[in-house]
Amino acid sequence: MASQDNDSGCGDWDLVIDREMGCTRAEFVGWMPGACGGIAFEVNGNRISIRPGGGEVMITVQEAAPRRLGLLCLPVLSVQMRFRGLSESARADFLKRFDMFTRRGGG
């Protein structure tokens, strides 16, 4: 789900996307080198900062209650991605690469 949002204390963001992902924080952080396509990133607690093409992407993660399906227990990670200073095409390119490396499943 995408929404416009302002983060008080951190400036204005062009786009904010909230997602739930079926992974742990450790798995998510482990995917970041591939998901960022070689762009340097910094992990500080539950925040990941990336600076692609002169813009900024701030990702905040928070572990949520796991999903239980009978005996199956799946991890849930709340993920918020905030974008600033990137063109629409640069955001789309970042998200396409990010999704390729973080979405699991068949099809």
N, C-alpha and C. Protein backbone atom coordinates (compact mmCIF):
# COMPACT_ATOMS: atom_id res chain seq x y z
N MET A 1 0.84 -1.18 0.00
CA MET A 1 0.00 0.00 0.00
C MET A 1 0.88 1.24 0.00
N ALA A 2 0.65 2.15 -0.87
CA ALA A 2 1.44 3.37 -0.96
C ALA A 2 0.64 4.53 -0.41
N SER A 3 1.34 5.47 0.19
CA SER A 3 0.66 6.65 0.71
C SER A 3 1.63 7.81 0.73
N GLN A 4 1.10 9.02 0.67
CA GLN A 4 1.92 10.21 0.85
C GLN A 4 2.00 10.45 2.35
N ASP A 5 3.15 10.90 2.80
CA ASP A 5 3.32 11.08 4.23
C ASP A 5 4.41 12.11 4.49
N ASN A 6 4.33 12.81 5.56
CA ASN A 6 5.41 13.67 6.03
C ASN A 6 5.89 13.12 7.35
N ASP A 7 7.19 13.04 7.52
CA ASP A 7 7.77 12.51 8.74
C ASP A 7 8.35 13.67 9.52
N SER A 8 7.69 14.09 10.58
CA SER A 8 8.16 15.23 11.34
C SER A 8 9.54 14.94 11.89
N GLY A 9 10.43 15.90 11.76
CA GLY A 9 11.79 15.73 12.22
C GLY A 9 12.73 15.18 11.16
N CYS A 10 12.21 14.59 10.10
CA CYS A 10 13.06 14.02 9.05
C CYS A 10 12.82 14.67 7.71
N GLY A 11 12.00 15.68 7.62
CA GLY A 11 11.76 16.34 6.34
C GLY A 11 10.61 15.71 5.58
N ASP A 12 10.39 16.24 4.39
CA ASP A 12 9.29 15.76 3.54
C ASP A 12 9.76 14.58 2.71
N TRP A 13 8.90 13.61 2.56
CA TRP A 13 9.17 12.43 1.73
C TRP A 13 8.26 12.49 0.52
N ASP A 14 8.81 12.11 -0.65
CA ASP A 14 8.03 12.13 -1.89
C ASP A 14 7.02 11.00 -1.93
N LEU A 15 7.38 9.85 -1.38
CA LEU A 15 6.51 8.68 -1.40
C LEU A 15 6.83 7.80 -0.21
N VAL A 16 5.80 7.24 0.42
CA VAL A 16 5.98 6.30 1.52
C VAL A 16 5.19 5.04 1.17
N ILE A 17 5.84 3.89 1.27
CA ILE A 17 5.22 2.61 0.99
C ILE A 17 5.32 1.74 2.24
N ASP A 18 4.20 1.20 2.68
CA ASP A 18 4.15 0.28 3.82
C ASP A 18 3.85 -1.12 3.31
N ARG A 19 4.60 -2.10 3.82
CA ARG A 19 4.40 -3.50 3.43
C ARG A 19 4.57 -4.39 4.64
N GLU A 20 3.97 -5.58 4.54
CA GLU A 20 4.29 -6.67 5.46
C GLU A 20 5.01 -7.72 4.65
N MET A 21 6.11 -8.22 5.19
CA MET A 21 6.87 -9.23 4.48
C MET A 21 7.02 -10.47 5.35
N GLY A 22 7.05 -11.62 4.72
CA GLY A 22 7.16 -12.90 5.44
C GLY A 22 8.61 -13.31 5.61
N CYS A 23 9.34 -12.57 6.45
CA CYS A 23 10.74 -12.87 6.71
C CYS A 23 11.14 -12.31 8.06
N THR A 24 12.33 -12.68 8.50
CA THR A 24 12.87 -12.12 9.74
C THR A 24 13.68 -10.87 9.40
N ARG A 25 14.03 -10.11 10.40
CA ARG A 25 14.89 -8.93 10.20
C ARG A 25 16.24 -9.37 9.65
N ALA A 26 16.80 -10.46 10.19
CA ALA A 26 18.10 -10.94 9.73
C ALA A 26 18.06 -11.34 8.25
N GLU A 27 17.00 -12.01 7.83
CA GLU A 27 16.86 -12.37 6.41
C GLU A 27 16.79 -11.11 5.55
N PHE A 28 15.98 -10.15 5.99
CA PHE A 28 15.80 -8.91 5.24
C PHE A 28 17.13 -8.19 5.06
N VAL A 29 17.87 -8.02 6.14
CA VAL A 29 19.16 -7.34 6.07
C VAL A 29 20.12 -8.12 5.17
N GLY A 30 20.06 -9.44 5.22
CA GLY A 30 20.90 -10.27 4.37
C GLY A 30 20.61 -10.11 2.88
N TRP A 31 19.39 -9.74 2.54
CA TRP A 31 19.01 -9.52 1.14
C TRP A 31 19.44 -8.15 0.62
N MET A 32 19.78 -7.23 1.51
CA MET A 32 20.02 -5.85 1.10
C MET A 32 21.14 -5.67 0.07
N PRO A 33 22.28 -6.36 0.14
CA PRO A 33 23.30 -6.13 -0.90
C PRO A 33 22.75 -6.39 -2.31
N GLY A 34 22.04 -7.47 -2.51
CA GLY A 34 21.45 -7.75 -3.82
C GLY A 34 20.30 -6.82 -4.14
N ALA A 35 19.47 -6.54 -3.16
CA ALA A 35 18.31 -5.69 -3.37
C ALA A 35 18.71 -4.25 -3.72
N CYS A 36 19.87 -3.83 -3.22
CA CYS A 36 20.35 -2.47 -3.49
C CYS A 36 21.20 -2.41 -4.76
N GLY A 37 21.48 -3.55 -5.37
CA GLY A 37 22.22 -3.56 -6.62
C GLY A 37 23.61 -2.96 -6.53
N GLY A 38 24.29 -3.19 -5.42
CA GLY A 38 25.65 -2.68 -5.28
C GLY A 38 25.74 -1.27 -4.72
N ILE A 39 24.61 -0.62 -4.50
CA ILE A 39 24.61 0.72 -3.90
C ILE A 39 24.88 0.55 -2.41
N ALA A 40 25.78 1.35 -1.88
CA ALA A 40 26.10 1.27 -0.45
C ALA A 40 24.87 1.58 0.38
N PHE A 41 24.75 0.89 1.51
CA PHE A 41 23.66 1.14 2.45
C PHE A 41 24.21 1.06 3.86
N GLU A 42 23.47 1.66 4.77
CA GLU A 42 23.88 1.69 6.18
C GLU A 42 22.73 1.18 7.03
N VAL A 43 23.05 0.24 7.92
CA VAL A 43 22.06 -0.30 8.85
C VAL A 43 22.33 0.32 10.21
N ASN A 44 21.30 0.94 10.78
CA ASN A 44 21.41 1.52 12.11
C ASN A 44 20.16 1.10 12.88
N GLY A 45 20.29 0.03 13.67
CA GLY A 45 19.14 -0.51 14.38
C GLY A 45 18.14 -1.06 13.39
N ASN A 46 16.92 -0.56 13.44
CA ASN A 46 15.86 -1.01 12.54
C ASN A 46 15.71 -0.11 11.32
N ARG A 47 16.69 0.76 11.08
CA ARG A 47 16.64 1.66 9.92
C ARG A 47 17.77 1.33 8.96
N ILE A 48 17.43 1.35 7.68
CA ILE A 48 18.40 1.11 6.62
C ILE A 48 18.34 2.32 5.71
N SER A 49 19.49 2.94 5.50
CA SER A 49 19.57 4.14 4.68
C SER A 49 20.33 3.83 3.40
N ILE A 50 19.75 4.21 2.27
CA ILE A 50 20.34 3.98 0.95
C ILE A 50 20.30 5.29 0.19
N ARG A 51 21.34 5.59 -0.57
CA ARG A 51 21.39 6.85 -1.32
C ARG A 51 21.64 6.57 -2.80
N PRO A 52 20.61 6.12 -3.51
CA PRO A 52 20.78 5.86 -4.94
C PRO A 52 20.64 7.13 -5.78
N GLY A 53 21.55 7.36 -6.70
CA GLY A 53 21.42 8.44 -7.68
C GLY A 53 21.13 9.81 -7.11
N GLY A 54 21.75 10.18 -6.01
CA GLY A 54 21.54 11.50 -5.44
C GLY A 54 20.28 11.64 -4.60
N GLY A 55 19.46 10.60 -4.55
CA GLY A 55 18.26 10.62 -3.72
C GLY A 55 18.48 9.86 -2.42
N GLU A 56 17.38 9.59 -1.74
CA GLU A 56 17.47 8.87 -0.47
C GLU A 56 16.30 7.91 -0.34
N VAL A 57 16.61 6.71 0.14
CA VAL A 57 15.59 5.73 0.51
C VAL A 57 15.86 5.37 1.96
N MET A 58 14.87 5.55 2.82
CA MET A 58 14.97 5.17 4.23
C MET A 58 13.99 4.03 4.46
N ILE A 59 14.51 2.89 4.89
CA ILE A 59 13.67 1.73 5.16
C ILE A 59 13.68 1.49 6.67
N THR A 60 12.49 1.37 7.23
CA THR A 60 12.35 1.05 8.65
C THR A 60 11.64 -0.28 8.75
N VAL A 61 12.21 -1.19 9.57
CA VAL A 61 11.62 -2.51 9.75
C VAL A 61 11.25 -2.70 11.21
N GLN A 62 10.20 -3.48 11.42
CA GLN A 62 9.75 -3.80 12.78
C GLN A 62 9.16 -5.20 12.78
N GLU A 63 9.69 -6.07 13.62
CA GLU A 63 9.13 -7.41 13.70
C GLU A 63 7.72 -7.35 14.27
N ALA A 64 6.82 -8.08 13.64
CA ALA A 64 5.42 -8.13 14.06
C ALA A 64 5.10 -9.54 14.55
N ALA A 65 3.91 -9.71 15.08
CA ALA A 65 3.49 -11.03 15.55
C ALA A 65 3.48 -12.01 14.38
N PRO A 66 3.99 -13.21 14.59
CA PRO A 66 4.02 -14.19 13.50
C PRO A 66 2.62 -14.63 13.10
N ARG A 67 2.50 -15.08 11.85
CA ARG A 67 1.24 -15.66 11.35
C ARG A 67 1.26 -17.14 11.67
N ARG A 68 0.16 -17.61 12.22
CA ARG A 68 0.05 -19.03 12.55
C ARG A 68 -1.05 -19.66 11.70
N LEU A 69 -0.67 -20.74 11.04
CA LEU A 69 -1.60 -21.52 10.23
C LEU A 69 -1.48 -22.95 10.73
N GLY A 70 -2.33 -23.31 11.67
CA GLY A 70 -2.21 -24.62 12.29
C GLY A 70 -0.88 -24.70 13.03
N LEU A 71 -0.07 -25.69 12.68
CA LEU A 71 1.24 -25.84 13.31
C LEU A 71 2.32 -24.99 12.65
N LEU A 72 2.01 -24.39 11.51
CA LEU A 72 2.96 -23.57 10.77
C LEU A 72 3.01 -22.17 11.36
N CYS A 73 4.21 -21.68 11.58
CA CYS A 73 4.40 -20.33 12.13
C CYS A 73 5.32 -19.56 11.18
N LEU A 74 4.81 -18.47 10.61
CA LEU A 74 5.55 -17.68 9.64
C LEU A 74 5.93 -16.33 10.23
N PRO A 75 7.18 -15.90 10.04
CA PRO A 75 7.58 -14.58 10.55
C PRO A 75 6.90 -13.47 9.76
N VAL A 76 6.70 -12.33 10.40
CA VAL A 76 6.12 -11.15 9.74
C VAL A 76 7.00 -9.95 10.09
N LEU A 77 7.38 -9.22 9.07
CA LEU A 77 8.18 -8.01 9.25
C LEU A 77 7.43 -6.85 8.63
N SER A 78 7.14 -5.82 9.42
CA SER A 78 6.53 -4.59 8.90
C SER A 78 7.66 -3.76 8.31
N VAL A 79 7.48 -3.33 7.07
CA VAL A 79 8.52 -2.60 6.34
C VAL A 79 7.92 -1.30 5.82
N GLN A 80 8.60 -0.20 6.10
CA GLN A 80 8.19 1.09 5.55
C GLN A 80 9.35 1.65 4.74
N MET A 81 9.08 1.98 3.47
CA MET A 81 10.09 2.55 2.59
C MET A 81 9.70 3.99 2.29
N ARG A 82 10.63 4.91 2.54
CA ARG A 82 10.41 6.33 2.28
C ARG A 82 11.39 6.79 1.22
N PHE A 83 10.87 7.52 0.24
CA PHE A 83 11.68 7.96 -0.89
C PHE A 83 11.71 9.49 -0.92
N ARG A 84 12.92 10.01 -1.24
CA ARG A 84 13.08 11.46 -1.36
C ARG A 84 14.14 11.73 -2.44
N GLY A 85 13.84 12.67 -3.33
CA GLY A 85 14.83 13.14 -4.29
C GLY A 85 15.12 12.20 -5.45
N LEU A 86 14.24 11.23 -5.70
CA LEU A 86 14.41 10.33 -6.83
C LEU A 86 13.30 10.57 -7.85
N SER A 87 13.65 10.47 -9.12
CA SER A 87 12.62 10.58 -10.16
C SER A 87 11.71 9.36 -10.08
N GLU A 88 10.55 9.44 -10.72
CA GLU A 88 9.63 8.30 -10.73
C GLU A 88 10.29 7.08 -11.34
N SER A 89 11.06 7.27 -12.40
CA SER A 89 11.71 6.12 -13.04
C SER A 89 12.80 5.54 -12.14
N ALA A 90 13.53 6.36 -11.41
CA ALA A 90 14.55 5.86 -10.48
C ALA A 90 13.90 5.09 -9.34
N ARG A 91 12.76 5.58 -8.84
CA ARG A 91 12.03 4.85 -7.79
C ARG A 91 11.55 3.51 -8.32
N ALA A 92 11.00 3.52 -9.54
CA ALA A 92 10.50 2.28 -10.14
C ALA A 92 11.63 1.28 -10.34
N ASP A 93 12.79 1.75 -10.79
CA ASP A 93 13.95 0.86 -10.96
C ASP A 93 14.39 0.27 -9.63
N PHE A 94 14.45 1.12 -8.58
CA PHE A 94 14.85 0.64 -7.26
C PHE A 94 13.87 -0.42 -6.77
N LEU A 95 12.57 -0.14 -6.88
CA LEU A 95 11.56 -1.09 -6.38
C LEU A 95 11.56 -2.39 -7.18
N LYS A 96 11.78 -2.31 -8.47
CA LYS A 96 11.82 -3.53 -9.28
C LYS A 96 12.96 -4.44 -8.82
N ARG A 97 14.13 -3.88 -8.63
CA ARG A 97 15.28 -4.66 -8.18
C ARG A 97 15.04 -5.17 -6.75
N PHE A 98 14.53 -4.30 -5.88
CA PHE A 98 14.25 -4.67 -4.50
C PHE A 98 13.29 -5.86 -4.47
N ASP A 99 12.22 -5.78 -5.25
CA ASP A 99 11.22 -6.85 -5.28
C ASP A 99 11.80 -8.16 -5.82
N MET A 100 12.68 -8.07 -6.82
CA MET A 100 13.28 -9.29 -7.36
C MET A 100 14.08 -10.04 -6.29
N PHE A 101 14.71 -9.32 -5.40
CA PHE A 101 15.56 -9.95 -4.41
C PHE A 101 14.85 -10.29 -3.10
N THR A 102 13.68 -9.72 -2.87
CA THR A 102 13.03 -9.95 -1.57
C THR A 102 11.75 -10.75 -1.63
N ARG A 103 11.15 -10.86 -2.78
CA ARG A 103 9.89 -11.63 -2.86
C ARG A 103 10.21 -13.08 -3.10
N ARG A 104 9.61 -13.90 -2.29
CA ARG A 104 9.81 -15.34 -2.42
C ARG A 104 8.48 -15.95 -2.83
N GLY A 105 8.57 -16.96 -3.60
CA GLY A 105 7.34 -17.65 -4.01
C GLY A 105 7.45 -18.13 -5.43
N GLY A 106 6.50 -18.90 -5.81
CA GLY A 106 6.50 -19.44 -7.17
C GLY A 106 5.55 -18.68 -8.06
N GLY A 107 5.47 -19.13 -9.27
CA GLY A 107 4.55 -18.45 -10.15
C GLY A 107 4.75 -18.86 -11.57
